[in-house]
Every structure is written in C-alpha cells, then in structure tokens.
Amino acid sequence: MPREFPRARRVEEQLLRLLPELIRREVRDPRVGPLTVTAVEVARDLGHARVFVTPFAGGGDAALLVAALQGTAGFLRHEIRKQMRLRVAPELEFRADESIERGARLSALIDDAVASDRRRAAAADPAEE
C-alpha cells in the first residue's frame, strides 16, 4: 500500500519553507532582491528539485533573478543539506514562475470584458440607469 505522504512531498514542503529564508538571510548577490518561492518540485529520488520563483510584487527582472539564483545553487544546496540533515541534498534548478503574471493578465482581460458588457448593456437600454 503506497504511503499517502511520500518523502519527496515532505522534502518539497520543507524546501518551500526553508529556501526563502536562506535566500533572504544568506545570499548577498545584489541581483537577488525580494522574491517569492511559489513552488518546489522534487524528483522521486530526491536528486533534483525545480524551484519556481517570482520577483516580489512583480518588481525586477525574473530572468536576471533566476540567473543570479542559479549561480548560488551550490551554496544553497550545501546549506539545505546541513539544515535539513540530508545525506545528499537535491540539485537545485531555479525557474521563473509566470503563473502569477499570467493570472494578472487573465484577470485584466476578464475585467475589460465585464466593463465592455456593462457599457453595451447601458447603451442598449438607457432607461434602466
């Protein structure tokens, strides 16, 4: 019977809590500003982890942030290994998370469509106003 909460998922959740704190406290690269770690995906064998990040409040260049974080991946991996007491820490791969930006664009499109429908309805029936 498979376990409901496999080890990879536990490591993902620990990394999701630990990485933002490590980055904020230990990384001294000026290209790394405030950021949000939106998701972590750990391989089943715990050998590889994809870390999805986005600049905080949409500020900054996501590609520059990812490049800077990728440069610190070895250091972060070492710190993760120590703090999580893992024999081997996963290799980190940072990626820009575009879901927040995409969601904001979709929300703006929906708002525009609703406003357009209201204008059309108001123009078609001016007596209702």
Protein backbone atom coordinates (compact mmCIF):
# COMPACT_ATOMS: atom_id res chain seq x y z
CA MET A 1 0.00 0.00 0.00
CA PRO A 2 1.55 3.36 -1.01
CA ARG A 3 2.14 5.94 1.67
CA GLU A 4 -0.15 8.94 1.48
CA PHE A 5 2.63 11.39 2.23
CA PRO A 6 5.79 10.30 0.40
CA ARG A 7 9.21 11.59 1.37
CA ALA A 8 9.57 13.68 -1.80
CA ARG A 9 6.47 15.67 -0.85
CA ARG A 10 7.77 16.24 2.67
CA VAL A 11 11.09 17.48 1.26
CA GLU A 12 9.19 19.79 -1.14
CA GLU A 13 7.30 21.35 1.74
CA GLN A 14 10.45 21.77 3.83
CA LEU A 15 12.24 23.40 0.89
CA LEU A 16 9.28 25.70 0.28
CA ARG A 17 9.65 26.98 3.86
CA LEU A 18 13.46 26.93 4.08
CA LEU A 19 14.59 28.38 0.74
CA PRO A 20 13.05 31.88 1.04
CA GLU A 21 14.62 32.28 4.47
CA LEU A 22 18.02 31.01 3.30
CA ILE A 23 17.98 33.28 0.26
CA ARG A 24 16.95 36.33 2.27
CA ARG A 25 19.47 35.71 5.05
CA GLU A 26 22.50 34.20 3.29
CA VAL A 27 22.59 35.32 -0.37
CA ARG A 28 24.49 38.57 -0.80
CA ASP A 29 24.12 38.95 -4.58
CA PRO A 30 22.71 42.43 -5.38
CA ARG A 31 20.75 40.94 -8.30
CA VAL A 32 18.67 38.94 -5.83
CA GLY A 33 16.01 41.21 -4.42
CA PRO A 34 12.84 40.35 -2.57
CA LEU A 35 11.28 37.26 -4.09
CA THR A 36 8.55 34.71 -3.65
CA VAL A 37 9.20 30.99 -3.92
CA THR A 38 5.90 29.86 -5.42
CA ALA A 39 6.50 26.12 -5.77
CA VAL A 40 9.09 23.37 -5.41
CA GLU A 41 9.00 20.10 -7.32
CA VAL A 42 11.34 17.38 -6.04
CA ALA A 43 12.14 14.27 -8.07
CA ARG A 44 11.14 10.97 -6.54
CA ASP A 45 14.77 10.01 -5.92
CA LEU A 46 15.36 13.42 -4.25
CA GLY A 47 18.24 14.08 -6.63
CA HIS A 48 16.78 17.11 -8.35
CA ALA A 49 14.49 19.98 -7.33
CA ARG A 50 12.86 22.62 -9.51
CA VAL A 51 12.29 25.84 -7.62
CA PHE A 52 9.81 28.31 -9.09
CA VAL A 53 10.41 31.93 -8.12
CA THR A 54 8.99 35.31 -8.96
CA PRO A 55 10.23 38.78 -8.01
CA PHE A 56 8.20 40.10 -5.08
CA ALA A 57 5.25 42.28 -6.11
CA GLY A 58 6.24 41.92 -9.77
CA GLY A 59 9.31 44.13 -9.37
CA GLY A 60 12.57 43.25 -11.04
CA ASP A 61 13.62 41.07 -13.94
CA ALA A 62 12.71 37.40 -13.47
CA ALA A 63 15.40 36.17 -15.89
CA LEU A 64 18.11 38.11 -14.04
CA LEU A 65 16.82 36.79 -10.72
CA VAL A 66 16.88 33.19 -11.97
CA ALA A 67 20.42 33.59 -13.32
CA ALA A 68 21.62 35.02 -10.01
CA LEU A 69 19.95 32.24 -8.01
CA GLN A 70 21.35 29.57 -10.30
CA GLY A 71 24.80 30.96 -9.51
CA THR A 72 24.17 30.42 -5.80
CA ALA A 73 22.62 26.95 -6.22
CA GLY A 74 25.70 25.09 -4.97
CA PHE A 75 25.91 27.19 -1.82
CA LEU A 76 22.16 26.84 -1.18
CA ARG A 77 22.35 23.09 -1.74
CA HIS A 78 25.10 22.83 0.88
CA GLU A 79 23.06 24.87 3.38
CA ILE A 80 19.96 22.78 2.70
CA ARG A 81 21.94 19.60 3.29
CA LYS A 82 23.13 20.92 6.66
CA GLN A 83 19.85 22.35 7.89
CA MET A 84 17.61 19.51 6.74
CA ARG A 85 20.16 16.87 7.77
CA LEU A 86 20.09 15.12 4.41
CA ARG A 87 22.89 12.86 3.27
CA VAL A 88 22.53 14.25 -0.25
CA ALA A 89 20.59 17.43 -0.97
CA PRO A 90 18.76 17.78 -4.28
CA GLU A 91 20.41 19.64 -7.12
CA LEU A 92 18.56 22.95 -7.45
CA GLU A 93 17.21 24.31 -10.71
CA PHE A 94 15.60 27.73 -10.49
CA ARG A 95 12.85 28.75 -12.92
CA ALA A 96 10.78 31.88 -13.30
CA ASP A 97 7.16 31.29 -12.34
CA GLU A 98 4.97 33.09 -14.82
CA SER A 99 1.66 31.87 -13.38
CA ILE A 100 1.15 34.98 -11.24
CA GLU A 101 1.80 37.30 -14.18
CA ARG A 102 -0.40 35.16 -16.43
CA GLY A 103 -3.17 35.22 -13.82
CA ALA A 104 -2.98 39.02 -13.59
CA ARG A 105 -3.27 39.30 -17.40
CA LEU A 106 -6.30 36.98 -17.43
CA SER A 107 -7.90 38.93 -14.61
CA ALA A 108 -7.40 42.18 -16.54
CA LEU A 109 -8.95 40.61 -19.66
CA ILE A 110 -11.97 39.45 -17.65
CA ASP A 111 -12.35 42.90 -16.08
CA ASP A 112 -12.22 44.50 -19.55
CA ALA A 113 -14.83 42.07 -20.89
CA VAL A 114 -17.18 42.74 -17.95
CA ALA A 115 -16.79 46.51 -18.37
CA SER A 116 -17.44 46.19 -22.10
CA ASP A 117 -20.60 44.15 -21.46
CA ARG A 118 -21.84 46.76 -18.98
CA ARG A 119 -21.23 49.56 -21.48
CA ARG A 120 -23.08 47.64 -24.20
CA ALA A 121 -25.98 46.92 -21.87
CA ALA A 122 -26.15 50.56 -20.79
CA ALA A 123 -26.07 51.76 -24.42
CA ALA A 124 -28.80 49.30 -25.44
CA ASP A 125 -31.15 50.23 -22.59
CA PRO A 126 -30.53 53.80 -21.33
CA ALA A 127 -33.84 53.81 -19.38
CA GLU A 128 -32.51 51.33 -16.79
CA GLU A 129 -29.89 53.73 -15.45
